[in-house]
Amino acid sequence: MFIGTGGGRVTEARFVPPPPGDQLRAGVDAWAEWINQSDSYPLIIKMALGHYQFETLHPFNDGNGRLGRLVCVLQLARAKELRFPLLNLSPWLERRRREYQDHLLQCSVTGEFDAWIRFFSEAARAQATRAVAKIEALHDWRDHALALIRGSGASGRLISAITEDLIGYPLLTPKTAANRYDATYPGANKAIDRLVQLGILRERTGRRYGRVFAAPEVLRIIESD
């Protein structure tokens, strides 16, 4: 396995990680031990260094970048800096994929980490700011949706409860709604139909049975970069 050839030969690769075997296993074990150690490193620096080392080891045929970025989020959660895994570094880094790879390579070539740490820190700052903006947008949407329900004359605990929770559960079926809110199936179905009429929910399957409903505006906010 090698990186950066675009289908070419290994001699043209930008970087060749350790091959499968004892050396790679020892490297991953050492990385895992270091990641889990308590030390005096600021957390953002430890995340940057740990991410570099994982990507350098490149232990899997696919998904190393995604898994490496997930580890960063787990580090934040373990340190109780995040209550929920809301920080997604991937969109920012993927838009700068070449620069991202260049920084990682320069760490290996020069042994200098300052530029990489600054780059990684900017990714974390930008995506944390973006996450806060998304949360605020979701709260604004929820307030607007609840006001729309009140203004339409729609009433009932179930309609309001479903709407309150759509920012966390933007996809649902009448059965899951009935179970989640301890309601009858007909009652859940009626509440969902009312939310469809108000434009808060939209049916996604086009079927008469096994229907799935979604809050399209919530999904748009969540999926936006």
Protein backbone atom coordinates (compact mmCIF):
# COMPACT_ATOMS: atom_id res chain seq x y z
CA MET A 1 0.00 0.00 0.00
CA PHE A 2 1.29 3.47 -0.88
CA ILE A 3 -0.10 7.00 -1.11
CA GLY A 4 -0.20 9.69 -3.73
CA THR A 5 0.52 7.92 -7.03
CA GLY A 6 -2.90 8.23 -8.65
CA GLY A 7 -2.65 4.61 -9.78
CA GLY A 8 1.06 4.81 -10.62
CA ARG A 9 4.02 2.82 -9.34
CA VAL A 10 5.34 2.63 -5.80
CA THR A 11 8.52 4.40 -6.91
CA GLU A 12 6.35 7.45 -7.69
CA ALA A 13 4.56 7.44 -4.33
CA ARG A 14 4.69 10.52 -2.11
CA PHE A 15 4.60 8.39 1.01
CA VAL A 16 4.89 4.68 1.80
CA PRO A 17 3.55 3.67 5.25
CA PRO A 18 4.87 0.68 7.19
CA PRO A 19 3.90 -2.65 5.61
CA PRO A 20 1.65 -5.10 7.49
CA GLY A 21 3.55 -7.03 10.13
CA ASP A 22 5.22 -6.75 13.50
CA GLN A 23 6.57 -3.24 12.92
CA LEU A 24 3.12 -1.85 12.09
CA ARG A 25 1.48 -3.63 15.03
CA ALA A 26 4.15 -2.31 17.39
CA GLY A 27 3.64 1.20 16.02
CA VAL A 28 -0.13 1.10 16.49
CA ASP A 29 0.28 -0.29 20.03
CA ALA A 30 2.73 2.50 20.90
CA TRP A 31 0.40 5.09 19.38
CA ALA A 32 -2.59 3.80 21.36
CA GLU A 33 -0.59 3.79 24.59
CA TRP A 34 0.59 7.37 24.02
CA ILE A 35 -2.89 8.62 23.08
CA ASN A 36 -4.27 7.25 26.35
CA GLN A 37 -1.49 8.57 28.58
CA SER A 38 -1.99 11.54 30.87
CA ASP A 39 0.59 14.23 30.18
CA SER A 40 1.11 17.98 30.08
CA TYR A 41 0.43 18.48 26.36
CA PRO A 42 -2.38 20.93 25.58
CA LEU A 43 -5.22 18.81 24.22
CA ILE A 44 -5.30 20.43 20.76
CA ILE A 45 -1.56 19.75 20.33
CA LYS A 46 -1.95 16.15 21.45
CA MET A 47 -4.80 15.72 18.97
CA ALA A 48 -2.65 17.12 16.15
CA LEU A 49 0.35 14.96 17.00
CA GLY A 50 -1.75 11.85 17.49
CA HIS A 51 -3.53 12.40 14.20
CA TYR A 52 -0.24 12.82 12.36
CA GLN A 53 1.13 9.61 13.86
CA PHE A 54 -2.00 7.59 13.04
CA GLU A 55 -2.02 8.80 9.43
CA THR A 56 1.69 8.00 9.18
CA LEU A 57 1.08 4.45 10.39
CA HIS A 58 -1.87 4.15 7.99
CA PRO A 59 -2.85 0.73 9.39
CA PHE A 60 -5.89 0.04 7.17
CA ASN A 61 -6.44 -0.25 3.43
CA ASP A 62 -9.23 2.32 3.57
CA GLY A 63 -10.81 4.77 5.98
CA ASN A 64 -7.66 5.87 7.82
CA GLY A 65 -8.48 9.56 7.47
CA ARG A 66 -12.06 9.18 8.70
CA LEU A 67 -11.00 6.99 11.62
CA GLY A 68 -8.14 9.32 12.51
CA ARG A 69 -10.50 12.30 12.61
CA LEU A 70 -12.98 10.30 14.70
CA VAL A 71 -10.22 9.63 17.24
CA CYS A 72 -9.78 13.40 17.60
CA VAL A 73 -13.45 13.77 18.54
CA LEU A 74 -13.17 10.87 20.99
CA GLN A 75 -10.17 12.58 22.61
CA LEU A 76 -12.28 15.69 23.17
CA ALA A 77 -15.16 13.63 24.57
CA ARG A 78 -12.88 11.69 26.89
CA ALA A 79 -11.41 14.94 28.21
CA LYS A 80 -15.00 16.18 28.73
CA GLU A 81 -14.42 19.09 26.37
CA LEU A 82 -17.36 17.79 24.31
CA ARG A 83 -20.55 16.31 25.74
CA PHE A 84 -21.68 15.15 22.31
CA PRO A 85 -19.63 14.31 19.16
CA LEU A 86 -20.55 17.52 17.35
CA LEU A 87 -17.15 18.50 15.96
CA ASN A 88 -16.62 17.27 12.40
CA LEU A 89 -13.16 18.08 11.07
CA SER A 90 -13.62 16.24 7.77
CA PRO A 91 -15.36 18.93 5.64
CA TRP A 92 -12.68 21.56 6.38
CA LEU A 93 -9.79 19.16 5.82
CA GLU A 94 -11.30 17.54 2.71
CA ARG A 95 -11.67 20.96 1.06
CA ARG A 96 -7.92 21.42 1.66
CA ARG A 97 -6.93 17.84 0.97
CA ARG A 98 -3.67 18.61 -0.84
CA GLU A 99 -2.55 21.11 1.79
CA TYR A 100 -3.55 18.62 4.51
CA GLN A 101 -1.41 15.90 2.94
CA ASP A 102 1.47 18.33 2.35
CA HIS A 103 1.55 19.27 6.04
CA LEU A 104 1.59 15.64 7.13
CA LEU A 105 4.37 14.85 4.67
CA GLN A 106 6.47 17.82 5.79
CA CYS A 107 6.31 16.59 9.38
CA SER A 108 7.87 13.32 8.23
CA VAL A 109 10.44 14.98 5.98
CA THR A 110 11.59 17.78 8.29
CA GLY A 111 10.59 16.73 11.82
CA GLU A 112 9.02 20.17 12.23
CA PHE A 113 5.47 20.15 13.59
CA ASP A 114 4.62 23.82 14.19
CA ALA A 115 3.04 24.45 10.77
CA TRP A 116 0.99 21.25 11.01
CA ILE A 117 -0.22 22.11 14.53
CA ARG A 118 -1.28 25.59 13.38
CA PHE A 119 -3.10 24.09 10.39
CA PHE A 120 -4.85 21.47 12.52
CA SER A 121 -5.78 24.06 15.15
CA GLU A 122 -7.36 26.25 12.49
CA ALA A 123 -9.42 23.26 11.30
CA ALA A 124 -10.66 22.67 14.86
CA ARG A 125 -11.43 26.36 15.41
CA ALA A 126 -13.29 26.75 12.11
CA GLN A 127 -15.36 23.61 12.56
CA ALA A 128 -16.17 24.39 16.19
CA THR A 129 -17.45 27.80 15.08
CA ARG A 130 -19.45 26.10 12.33
CA ALA A 131 -20.91 23.60 14.80
CA VAL A 132 -22.08 26.40 17.10
CA ALA A 133 -23.69 28.15 14.12
CA LYS A 134 -25.52 24.94 13.19
CA ILE A 135 -26.78 24.47 16.74
CA GLU A 136 -28.07 28.03 16.80
CA ALA A 137 -29.74 27.52 13.41
CA LEU A 138 -31.42 24.34 14.65
CA HIS A 139 -32.72 26.09 17.75
CA ASP A 140 -34.04 28.96 15.60
CA TRP A 141 -35.77 26.44 13.31
CA ARG A 142 -37.37 24.68 16.27
CA ASP A 143 -38.68 27.98 17.69
CA HIS A 144 -40.08 28.90 14.27
CA ALA A 145 -41.73 25.49 13.83
CA LEU A 146 -43.36 25.63 17.26
CA ALA A 147 -44.62 29.14 16.55
CA LEU A 148 -46.04 27.89 13.24
CA ILE A 149 -47.90 25.13 15.07
CA ARG A 150 -49.36 27.56 17.58
CA GLY A 151 -50.38 30.01 14.86
CA SER A 152 -52.09 27.28 12.84
CA GLY A 153 -54.32 26.28 15.73
CA ALA A 154 -52.82 22.80 15.84
CA SER A 155 -52.84 21.50 19.37
CA GLY A 156 -51.83 18.47 21.30
CA ARG A 157 -48.90 17.28 23.34
CA LEU A 158 -47.81 14.79 20.68
CA ILE A 159 -47.48 17.32 17.84
CA SER A 160 -45.40 19.63 20.02
CA ALA A 161 -43.26 16.79 21.40
CA ILE A 162 -42.43 15.43 17.94
CA THR A 163 -41.54 18.92 16.71
CA GLU A 164 -39.38 19.68 19.77
CA ASP A 165 -37.31 16.56 19.10
CA LEU A 166 -36.90 16.85 15.33
CA ILE A 167 -33.54 18.61 15.67
CA GLY A 168 -32.26 15.42 17.29
CA TYR A 169 -34.42 12.89 15.40
CA PRO A 170 -35.13 14.37 11.95
CA LEU A 171 -36.28 11.01 10.53
CA LEU A 172 -39.20 9.04 11.92
CA THR A 173 -42.06 6.69 11.16
CA PRO A 174 -45.50 6.55 12.81
CA LYS A 175 -44.40 3.39 14.62
CA THR A 176 -41.22 4.92 16.05
CA ALA A 177 -43.15 8.05 17.04
CA ALA A 178 -45.80 5.96 18.82
CA ASN A 179 -43.13 4.04 20.72
CA ARG A 180 -41.02 7.09 21.54
CA TYR A 181 -43.90 9.17 22.88
CA ASP A 182 -46.01 6.38 24.38
CA ALA A 183 -48.84 7.11 21.96
CA THR A 184 -51.18 5.00 19.88
CA TYR A 185 -50.27 4.29 16.27
CA PRO A 186 -53.36 6.17 14.94
CA GLY A 187 -52.53 9.11 17.20
CA ALA A 188 -48.93 9.23 16.00
CA ASN A 189 -50.04 8.91 12.38
CA LYS A 190 -52.50 11.77 12.78
CA ALA A 191 -49.89 14.03 14.40
CA ILE A 192 -47.40 13.31 11.63
CA ASP A 193 -50.01 14.00 8.93
CA ARG A 194 -50.68 17.39 10.54
CA LEU A 195 -46.97 18.19 10.53
CA VAL A 196 -46.83 17.25 6.84
CA GLN A 197 -49.71 19.64 6.14
CA LEU A 198 -47.76 22.42 7.88
CA GLY A 199 -44.63 21.68 5.82
CA ILE A 200 -42.62 20.68 8.87
CA LEU A 201 -42.34 17.05 7.77
CA ARG A 202 -42.20 15.46 4.32
CA GLU A 203 -42.76 11.82 3.33
CA ARG A 204 -39.67 10.39 1.63
CA THR A 205 -40.61 6.96 0.27
CA GLY A 206 -43.70 7.60 -1.86
CA ARG A 207 -45.20 4.37 -0.51
CA ARG A 208 -48.53 3.78 1.21
CA TYR A 209 -46.94 1.45 3.76
CA GLY A 210 -43.60 1.60 5.55
CA ARG A 211 -43.54 5.37 5.14
CA VAL A 212 -40.61 7.41 6.43
CA PHE A 213 -40.94 11.08 7.25
CA ALA A 214 -38.21 13.69 7.48
CA ALA A 215 -37.80 17.30 8.52
CA PRO A 216 -36.11 18.60 5.34
CA GLU A 217 -34.99 21.91 6.80
CA VAL A 218 -33.36 20.19 9.77
CA LEU A 219 -31.49 17.84 7.41
CA ARG A 220 -30.40 20.79 5.29
CA ILE A 221 -28.91 22.53 8.33
CA ILE A 222 -27.20 19.37 9.59
CA GLU A 223 -25.75 18.44 6.19
CA SER A 224 -24.54 21.92 5.26
CA ASP A 225 -20.76 22.44 5.25
